[in-house]
């Protein structure tokens, strides 16, 4: 049963990565063609703001790609689950916001890059929430639990009870 789950994860990861790479190819090719053929846009902003997307895509590729034995074609490693919540989900969000920003830049000019500001803003929001949670946990380490029952009487009375 576990082998079937690994195969399902490997199949889903391969499909997700194919869709991811196809989308990246389409969006970036459209930008380059639009920039050189129709209207100039800022290449510097494009390169700087696309680097995080490419880094996220590389990380997702390296951690999520299934590995097969070349001779027997058996599954060696299914890869990390790319539908997992948390950091994986955030990396997909970075990629999708970058794609949306590139499309907005194509349609409306360099002002479309303003959409990309939601990426660091959301990261700061989540980081602030984690920082607050860490402070709360660190502050509780030095305190005694408040739900402990008070000890009544002296030792002789406690033994008698």
N, C-alpha and C. Protein backbone atom coordinates (compact mmCIF):
# COMPACT_ATOMS: atom_id res chain seq x y z
N UNK A 1 0.81 -1.19 0.00
CA UNK A 1 0.00 0.00 0.00
C UNK A 1 0.86 1.26 0.00
N UNK A 2 1.98 1.21 0.71
CA UNK A 2 2.86 2.37 0.77
C UNK A 2 3.49 2.64 -0.60
N UNK A 3 3.76 1.56 -1.34
CA UNK A 3 4.35 1.72 -2.68
C UNK A 3 3.36 2.44 -3.60
N UNK A 4 2.06 2.15 -3.46
CA UNK A 4 1.06 2.82 -4.29
C UNK A 4 1.00 4.31 -3.96
N UNK A 5 1.12 4.64 -2.68
CA UNK A 5 1.11 6.06 -2.27
C UNK A 5 2.34 6.77 -2.82
N UNK A 6 3.48 6.10 -2.80
CA UNK A 6 4.70 6.70 -3.37
C UNK A 6 4.55 6.92 -4.86
N UNK A 7 3.94 5.95 -5.55
CA UNK A 7 3.74 6.10 -6.99
C UNK A 7 2.77 7.22 -7.31
N UNK A 8 1.71 7.34 -6.50
CA UNK A 8 0.75 8.42 -6.70
C UNK A 8 1.41 9.78 -6.48
N UNK A 9 2.23 9.88 -5.43
CA UNK A 9 2.95 11.13 -5.16
C UNK A 9 3.91 11.45 -6.30
N UNK A 10 4.62 10.44 -6.79
CA UNK A 10 5.56 10.65 -7.89
C UNK A 10 4.82 11.12 -9.15
N UNK A 11 3.69 10.52 -9.44
CA UNK A 11 2.91 10.90 -10.62
C UNK A 11 2.39 12.33 -10.49
N UNK A 12 1.87 12.66 -9.31
CA UNK A 12 1.34 14.02 -9.08
C UNK A 12 2.47 15.06 -9.15
N UNK A 13 3.63 14.73 -8.57
CA UNK A 13 4.76 15.65 -8.62
C UNK A 13 5.24 15.88 -10.05
N UNK A 14 5.32 14.81 -10.83
CA UNK A 14 5.77 14.96 -12.22
C UNK A 14 4.80 15.83 -13.01
N UNK A 15 3.51 15.64 -12.81
CA UNK A 15 2.52 16.47 -13.51
C UNK A 15 2.59 17.92 -13.06
N UNK A 16 2.75 18.14 -11.77
CA UNK A 16 2.85 19.50 -11.24
C UNK A 16 4.09 20.21 -11.78
N UNK A 17 5.21 19.51 -11.81
CA UNK A 17 6.44 20.12 -12.31
C UNK A 17 6.35 20.41 -13.81
N UNK A 18 5.69 19.53 -14.56
CA UNK A 18 5.51 19.79 -15.99
C UNK A 18 4.68 21.05 -16.21
N UNK A 19 3.59 21.18 -15.47
CA UNK A 19 2.74 22.37 -15.56
C UNK A 19 3.51 23.62 -15.15
N UNK A 20 4.29 23.51 -14.10
CA UNK A 20 5.08 24.63 -13.61
C UNK A 20 6.09 25.10 -14.65
N UNK A 21 6.82 24.17 -15.22
CA UNK A 21 7.84 24.53 -16.21
C UNK A 21 7.20 25.07 -17.50
N UNK A 22 6.07 24.50 -17.89
CA UNK A 22 5.38 24.99 -19.09
C UNK A 22 4.89 26.42 -18.87
N UNK A 23 4.30 26.69 -17.73
CA UNK A 23 3.83 28.04 -17.42
C UNK A 23 4.97 29.04 -17.38
N UNK A 24 6.08 28.67 -16.77
CA UNK A 24 7.24 29.55 -16.72
C UNK A 24 7.77 29.84 -18.11
N UNK A 25 7.84 28.82 -18.94
CA UNK A 25 8.33 29.00 -20.30
C UNK A 25 7.42 29.94 -21.09
N UNK A 26 6.11 29.75 -20.97
CA UNK A 26 5.16 30.58 -21.72
C UNK A 26 5.23 32.03 -21.28
N UNK A 27 5.17 32.27 -19.97
CA UNK A 27 5.13 33.65 -19.46
C UNK A 27 6.42 34.38 -19.79
N UNK A 28 7.56 33.74 -19.58
CA UNK A 28 8.83 34.41 -19.82
C UNK A 28 9.11 34.61 -21.31
N UNK A 29 8.70 33.65 -22.13
CA UNK A 29 8.85 33.82 -23.58
C UNK A 29 7.98 34.97 -24.09
N UNK A 30 6.75 35.05 -23.59
CA UNK A 30 5.88 36.17 -23.97
C UNK A 30 6.50 37.51 -23.59
N UNK A 31 7.08 37.58 -22.40
CA UNK A 31 7.70 38.84 -21.98
C UNK A 31 8.86 39.21 -22.89
N UNK A 32 9.73 38.25 -23.16
CA UNK A 32 10.91 38.54 -23.98
C UNK A 32 10.48 38.94 -25.39
N UNK A 33 9.54 38.21 -25.98
CA UNK A 33 9.08 38.57 -27.33
C UNK A 33 8.40 39.94 -27.34
N UNK A 34 7.56 40.19 -26.36
CA UNK A 34 6.88 41.49 -26.28
C UNK A 34 7.91 42.60 -26.12
N UNK A 35 8.91 42.38 -25.29
CA UNK A 35 9.91 43.40 -25.02
C UNK A 35 10.73 43.73 -26.27
N UNK A 36 11.10 42.74 -27.04
CA UNK A 36 11.96 42.98 -28.20
C UNK A 36 11.18 43.35 -29.46
N UNK A 37 9.93 42.92 -29.57
CA UNK A 37 9.17 43.14 -30.80
C UNK A 37 8.23 44.34 -30.69
N UNK A 38 7.48 44.44 -29.62
CA UNK A 38 6.41 45.43 -29.55
C UNK A 38 6.80 46.67 -28.75
N UNK A 39 7.06 46.51 -27.48
CA UNK A 39 7.32 47.68 -26.63
C UNK A 39 8.34 47.33 -25.56
N UNK A 40 9.27 48.23 -25.33
CA UNK A 40 10.33 48.00 -24.35
C UNK A 40 9.79 48.12 -22.93
N UNK A 41 10.24 47.20 -22.10
CA UNK A 41 9.97 47.21 -20.67
C UNK A 41 11.32 47.10 -19.96
N UNK A 42 11.33 47.32 -18.67
CA UNK A 42 12.58 47.29 -17.92
C UNK A 42 13.10 45.86 -17.77
N UNK A 43 14.20 45.61 -18.44
CA UNK A 43 14.84 44.28 -18.33
C UNK A 43 15.47 44.11 -16.95
N UNK A 44 16.01 45.18 -16.39
CA UNK A 44 16.64 45.10 -15.08
C UNK A 44 15.63 44.67 -14.01
N UNK A 45 14.45 45.30 -13.99
CA UNK A 45 13.41 44.90 -13.04
C UNK A 45 12.97 43.47 -13.29
N UNK A 46 12.85 43.11 -14.55
CA UNK A 46 12.45 41.74 -14.89
C UNK A 46 13.44 40.73 -14.32
N UNK A 47 14.72 40.98 -14.52
CA UNK A 47 15.73 40.03 -14.04
C UNK A 47 15.75 39.98 -12.51
N UNK A 48 15.75 41.15 -11.88
CA UNK A 48 15.84 41.19 -10.41
C UNK A 48 14.62 40.54 -9.76
N UNK A 49 13.42 40.84 -10.28
CA UNK A 49 12.21 40.33 -9.64
C UNK A 49 11.84 38.91 -10.09
N UNK A 50 12.50 38.41 -11.11
CA UNK A 50 12.26 37.03 -11.53
C UNK A 50 13.21 36.04 -10.87
N UNK A 51 14.30 36.53 -10.33
CA UNK A 51 15.28 35.63 -9.69
C UNK A 51 14.65 34.82 -8.55
N UNK A 52 13.87 35.42 -7.63
CA UNK A 52 13.25 34.58 -6.58
C UNK A 52 12.34 33.49 -7.15
N UNK A 53 11.64 33.80 -8.22
CA UNK A 53 10.78 32.80 -8.85
C UNK A 53 11.60 31.64 -9.41
N UNK A 54 12.71 31.97 -10.05
CA UNK A 54 13.56 30.91 -10.61
C UNK A 54 14.21 30.08 -9.50
N UNK A 55 14.58 30.73 -8.40
CA UNK A 55 15.16 29.99 -7.27
C UNK A 55 14.11 29.04 -6.67
N UNK A 56 12.89 29.54 -6.50
CA UNK A 56 11.82 28.68 -5.96
C UNK A 56 11.54 27.51 -6.90
N UNK A 57 11.53 27.79 -8.20
CA UNK A 57 11.27 26.72 -9.16
C UNK A 57 12.39 25.68 -9.15
N UNK A 58 13.63 26.13 -9.02
CA UNK A 58 14.74 25.20 -8.93
C UNK A 58 14.62 24.33 -7.68
N UNK A 59 14.28 24.95 -6.55
CA UNK A 59 14.14 24.18 -5.32
C UNK A 59 13.01 23.17 -5.42
N UNK A 60 11.89 23.59 -5.99
CA UNK A 60 10.77 22.66 -6.16
C UNK A 60 11.15 21.51 -7.10
N UNK A 61 11.89 21.82 -8.14
CA UNK A 61 12.34 20.78 -9.08
C UNK A 61 13.27 19.80 -8.39
N UNK A 62 14.24 20.32 -7.65
CA UNK A 62 15.22 19.42 -7.04
C UNK A 62 14.64 18.59 -5.91
N UNK A 63 13.68 19.12 -5.19
CA UNK A 63 13.13 18.35 -4.07
C UNK A 63 11.91 17.52 -4.46
N UNK A 64 11.20 17.90 -5.51
CA UNK A 64 9.96 17.21 -5.84
C UNK A 64 10.04 16.24 -7.00
N UNK A 65 11.12 16.28 -7.78
CA UNK A 65 11.23 15.41 -8.96
C UNK A 65 11.42 13.96 -8.53
N UNK A 66 10.57 13.05 -9.03
CA UNK A 66 10.75 11.62 -8.71
C UNK A 66 12.02 11.08 -9.38
N UNK A 67 12.66 10.14 -8.70
CA UNK A 67 13.89 9.51 -9.24
C UNK A 67 13.59 8.05 -9.55
N UNK A 68 14.02 7.64 -10.73
CA UNK A 68 13.82 6.26 -11.17
C UNK A 68 15.16 5.62 -11.45
N UNK A 69 15.24 4.31 -11.26
CA UNK A 69 16.43 3.56 -11.62
C UNK A 69 16.50 3.48 -13.14
N UNK A 70 17.61 3.92 -13.76
CA UNK A 70 17.67 3.96 -15.23
C UNK A 70 17.57 2.58 -15.89
N UNK A 71 18.06 1.54 -15.23
CA UNK A 71 18.05 0.22 -15.87
C UNK A 71 16.72 -0.51 -15.70
N UNK A 72 16.15 -0.45 -14.51
CA UNK A 72 14.92 -1.21 -14.26
C UNK A 72 13.66 -0.36 -14.28
N UNK A 73 13.81 0.95 -14.33
CA UNK A 73 12.68 1.89 -14.35
C UNK A 73 11.80 1.80 -13.10
N UNK A 74 12.38 1.33 -11.99
CA UNK A 74 11.63 1.28 -10.74
C UNK A 74 11.81 2.61 -10.00
N UNK A 75 10.82 2.94 -9.21
CA UNK A 75 10.82 4.20 -8.47
C UNK A 75 11.80 4.11 -7.31
N UNK A 76 12.79 4.98 -7.31
CA UNK A 76 13.74 5.03 -6.20
C UNK A 76 13.29 6.01 -5.13
N UNK A 77 12.82 7.18 -5.58
CA UNK A 77 12.41 8.23 -4.65
C UNK A 77 11.26 9.00 -5.27
N UNK A 78 10.18 9.18 -4.53
CA UNK A 78 9.01 9.86 -5.06
C UNK A 78 9.17 11.38 -5.02
N UNK A 79 10.08 11.87 -4.24
CA UNK A 79 10.25 13.30 -4.08
C UNK A 79 9.34 13.82 -2.97
N UNK A 80 9.61 15.03 -2.54
CA UNK A 80 8.77 15.65 -1.51
C UNK A 80 7.40 15.95 -2.10
N UNK A 81 6.39 15.89 -1.28
CA UNK A 81 5.03 16.15 -1.74
C UNK A 81 4.88 17.63 -2.07
N UNK A 82 4.64 17.94 -3.34
CA UNK A 82 4.54 19.33 -3.78
C UNK A 82 3.19 19.97 -3.46
N UNK A 83 2.27 19.19 -2.92
CA UNK A 83 0.99 19.76 -2.51
C UNK A 83 0.95 20.01 -1.00
N UNK A 84 2.10 19.91 -0.36
CA UNK A 84 2.17 20.09 1.09
C UNK A 84 2.02 21.57 1.45
N UNK A 85 1.39 21.85 2.57
CA UNK A 85 1.28 23.24 3.00
C UNK A 85 2.61 23.74 3.57
N UNK A 86 2.69 25.03 3.80
CA UNK A 86 3.88 25.60 4.42
C UNK A 86 4.78 26.25 3.39
N UNK A 87 6.07 25.97 3.50
CA UNK A 87 7.07 26.60 2.65
C UNK A 87 6.87 26.26 1.17
N UNK A 88 6.48 25.03 0.89
CA UNK A 88 6.24 24.62 -0.50
C UNK A 88 5.12 25.46 -1.10
N UNK A 89 4.08 25.64 -0.34
CA UNK A 89 2.94 26.44 -0.79
C UNK A 89 3.36 27.90 -1.02
N UNK A 90 4.19 28.43 -0.14
CA UNK A 90 4.67 29.80 -0.28
C UNK A 90 5.53 29.95 -1.54
N UNK A 91 6.35 28.94 -1.84
CA UNK A 91 7.17 29.02 -3.05
C UNK A 91 6.30 29.04 -4.31
N UNK A 92 5.24 28.25 -4.33
CA UNK A 92 4.31 28.31 -5.46
C UNK A 92 3.66 29.68 -5.55
N UNK A 93 3.33 30.28 -4.42
CA UNK A 93 2.74 31.61 -4.41
C UNK A 93 3.70 32.64 -5.00
N UNK A 94 4.98 32.53 -4.66
CA UNK A 94 5.99 33.45 -5.22
C UNK A 94 6.03 33.31 -6.73
N UNK A 95 6.00 32.08 -7.23
CA UNK A 95 6.04 31.86 -8.67
C UNK A 95 4.81 32.42 -9.35
N UNK A 96 3.63 32.16 -8.79
CA UNK A 96 2.39 32.63 -9.42
C UNK A 96 2.28 34.15 -9.39
N UNK A 97 2.69 34.78 -8.29
CA UNK A 97 2.64 36.24 -8.23
C UNK A 97 3.63 36.83 -9.23
N UNK A 98 4.77 36.19 -9.40
CA UNK A 98 5.73 36.67 -10.40
C UNK A 98 5.14 36.54 -11.80
N UNK A 99 4.48 35.44 -12.10
CA UNK A 99 3.84 35.28 -13.41
C UNK A 99 2.80 36.38 -13.62
N UNK A 100 1.96 36.61 -12.60
CA UNK A 100 0.93 37.64 -12.72
C UNK A 100 1.56 39.02 -12.93
N UNK A 101 2.66 39.28 -12.22
CA UNK A 101 3.35 40.56 -12.38
C UNK A 101 3.90 40.72 -13.79
N UNK A 102 4.47 39.66 -14.34
CA UNK A 102 5.01 39.72 -15.70
C UNK A 102 3.89 39.99 -16.69
N UNK A 103 2.76 39.34 -16.53
CA UNK A 103 1.62 39.58 -17.43
C UNK A 103 1.13 41.01 -17.29
N UNK A 104 1.06 41.53 -16.08
CA UNK A 104 0.64 42.92 -15.88
C UNK A 104 1.64 43.90 -16.49
N UNK A 105 2.93 43.57 -16.42
CA UNK A 105 3.95 44.42 -17.03
C UNK A 105 3.76 44.42 -18.55
N UNK A 106 3.46 43.28 -19.12
CA UNK A 106 3.22 43.22 -20.56
C UNK A 106 2.02 44.08 -20.93
N UNK A 107 0.96 44.00 -20.15
CA UNK A 107 -0.27 44.71 -20.48
C UNK A 107 -0.24 46.20 -20.12
N UNK A 108 0.30 46.55 -18.95
CA UNK A 108 0.16 47.90 -18.43
C UNK A 108 1.48 48.65 -18.24
N UNK A 109 2.59 48.05 -18.52
CA UNK A 109 3.87 48.73 -18.34
C UNK A 109 4.53 48.33 -17.04
N UNK A 110 5.62 49.03 -16.73
CA UNK A 110 6.43 48.67 -15.57
C UNK A 110 5.70 48.85 -14.24
N UNK A 111 4.54 49.50 -14.22
CA UNK A 111 3.75 49.62 -13.01
C UNK A 111 3.22 48.26 -12.56
N UNK A 112 3.20 47.30 -13.44
CA UNK A 112 2.73 45.96 -13.09
C UNK A 112 3.61 45.28 -12.05
N UNK A 113 4.86 45.75 -11.93
CA UNK A 113 5.74 45.15 -10.93
C UNK A 113 5.31 45.48 -9.51
N UNK A 114 4.43 46.46 -9.34
CA UNK A 114 3.95 46.78 -7.99
C UNK A 114 3.20 45.62 -7.35
N UNK A 115 2.59 44.78 -8.17
CA UNK A 115 1.92 43.60 -7.62
C UNK A 115 2.91 42.71 -6.89
N UNK A 116 4.15 42.70 -7.35
CA UNK A 116 5.15 41.81 -6.77
C UNK A 116 5.46 42.20 -5.32
N UNK A 117 5.10 43.40 -4.90
CA UNK A 117 5.38 43.82 -3.52
C UNK A 117 4.60 43.00 -2.50
N UNK A 118 3.56 42.28 -2.92
CA UNK A 118 2.82 41.45 -1.97
C UNK A 118 3.67 40.29 -1.48
N UNK A 119 4.69 39.88 -2.25
CA UNK A 119 5.52 38.74 -1.84
C UNK A 119 6.30 39.07 -0.57
N UNK A 120 7.12 40.13 -0.54
CA UNK A 120 7.82 40.41 0.72
C UNK A 120 6.88 40.87 1.83
N UNK A 121 5.78 41.53 1.47
CA UNK A 121 4.83 41.97 2.49
C UNK A 121 4.20 40.76 3.19
N UNK A 122 3.81 39.76 2.42
CA UNK A 122 3.22 38.55 3.01
C UNK A 122 4.27 37.79 3.82
N UNK A 123 5.50 37.74 3.31
CA UNK A 123 6.58 37.09 4.06
C UNK A 123 6.85 37.78 5.38
N UNK A 124 6.82 39.12 5.39
CA UNK A 124 7.02 39.87 6.63
C UNK A 124 5.86 39.62 7.59
N UNK A 125 4.64 39.57 7.06
CA UNK A 125 3.47 39.30 7.89
C UNK A 125 3.58 37.94 8.57
N UNK A 126 3.93 36.91 7.79
CA UNK A 126 4.07 35.58 8.36
C UNK A 126 5.24 35.51 9.34
N UNK A 127 6.35 36.17 8.99
CA UNK A 127 7.51 36.19 9.88
C UNK A 127 7.21 36.89 11.19
N UNK A 128 6.44 37.98 11.14
CA UNK A 128 6.06 38.69 12.36
C UNK A 128 5.19 37.81 13.24
N UNK A 129 4.29 37.05 12.61
CA UNK A 129 3.44 36.14 13.37
C UNK A 129 4.26 35.04 14.04
N UNK A 130 5.25 34.51 13.33
CA UNK A 130 6.12 33.49 13.92
C UNK A 130 6.98 34.06 15.03
N UNK A 131 7.45 35.29 14.83
CA UNK A 131 8.26 35.94 15.85
C UNK A 131 7.45 36.15 17.13
N UNK A 132 6.20 36.58 16.98
CA UNK A 132 5.34 36.75 18.14
C UNK A 132 5.07 35.44 18.85
N UNK A 133 4.87 34.38 18.09
CA UNK A 133 4.64 33.07 18.70
C UNK A 133 5.90 32.59 19.43
N UNK A 134 7.06 32.83 18.84
CA UNK A 134 8.32 32.42 19.47
C UNK A 134 8.56 33.19 20.76
N UNK A 135 8.24 34.49 20.75
CA UNK A 135 8.39 35.28 21.97
C UNK A 135 7.46 34.77 23.07
N UNK A 136 6.24 34.44 22.68
CA UNK A 136 5.28 33.93 23.66
C UNK A 136 5.74 32.61 24.26
N UNK A 137 6.30 31.75 23.43
CA UNK A 137 6.79 30.47 23.94
C UNK A 137 8.02 30.66 24.81
N UNK A 138 8.90 31.59 24.44
CA UNK A 138 10.10 31.83 25.23
C UNK A 138 9.74 32.45 26.57
N UNK A 139 8.72 33.28 26.61
CA UNK A 139 8.30 33.91 27.86
C UNK A 139 7.66 32.93 28.82
N UNK A 140 7.08 31.88 28.31
CA UNK A 140 6.40 30.90 29.17
C UNK A 140 7.36 29.89 29.75
N UNK A 141 8.60 29.82 29.25
CA UNK A 141 9.53 28.82 29.77
C UNK A 141 9.93 29.09 31.21
N UNK A 142 10.06 30.36 31.58
CA UNK A 142 10.50 30.68 32.93
C UNK A 142 9.38 30.69 33.95
N UNK A 143 8.14 30.58 33.52
CA UNK A 143 7.00 30.65 34.43
C UNK A 143 6.58 29.26 34.89
N UNK A 144 6.01 29.22 36.12
CA UNK A 144 5.43 27.99 36.63
C UNK A 144 4.04 27.82 36.02
N UNK A 145 3.59 26.61 35.82
CA UNK A 145 2.23 26.43 35.32
C UNK A 145 1.22 27.00 36.30
N UNK A 146 0.23 27.71 35.79
CA UNK A 146 -0.75 28.37 36.66
C UNK A 146 -1.90 27.44 37.04
N UNK A 147 -2.01 26.31 36.38
CA UNK A 147 -3.13 25.43 36.68
C UNK A 147 -2.79 24.38 37.74
N UNK A 148 -1.61 24.46 38.36
CA UNK A 148 -1.23 23.50 39.39
C UNK A 148 -2.02 23.80 40.67
N UNK A 149 -2.48 22.76 41.33
CA UNK A 149 -3.28 22.93 42.55
C UNK A 149 -2.36 23.35 43.69
N UNK A 150 -2.80 24.31 44.50
CA UNK A 150 -1.97 24.73 45.63
C UNK A 150 -1.89 23.61 46.68
N UNK A 151 -0.74 23.50 47.28
CA UNK A 151 -0.53 22.47 48.30
C UNK A 151 -1.02 23.01 49.63
N UNK A 152 -1.91 22.28 50.25
CA UNK A 152 -2.50 22.74 51.52
C UNK A 152 -1.89 21.95 52.68
N UNK A 153 -1.66 22.65 53.80
CA UNK A 153 -1.20 22.00 55.01
C UNK A 153 0.28 21.68 55.00
N UNK A 154 0.71 21.13 56.15
CA UNK A 154 2.11 20.75 56.24
C UNK A 154 2.28 19.29 55.82
N UNK A 155 3.51 18.79 55.96
CA UNK A 155 3.82 17.45 55.49
C UNK A 155 3.04 16.39 56.24
N UNK A 156 2.87 16.54 57.53
CA UNK A 156 2.16 15.55 58.33
C UNK A 156 0.70 15.47 57.91
N UNK A 157 0.08 16.59 57.61
CA UNK A 157 -1.32 16.61 57.18
C UNK A 157 -1.47 15.99 55.79
N UNK A 158 -0.50 16.22 54.92
CA UNK A 158 -0.59 15.65 53.57
C UNK A 158 -0.44 14.14 53.59
N UNK A 159 0.40 13.60 54.50
CA UNK A 159 0.55 12.16 54.60
C UNK A 159 -0.72 11.50 55.11
N UNK A 160 -1.41 12.16 56.02
CA UNK A 160 -2.62 11.62 56.60
C UNK A 160 -3.75 11.55 55.57
N UNK A 161 -3.72 12.41 54.60
CA UNK A 161 -4.81 12.46 53.60
C UNK A 161 -4.72 11.42 52.58
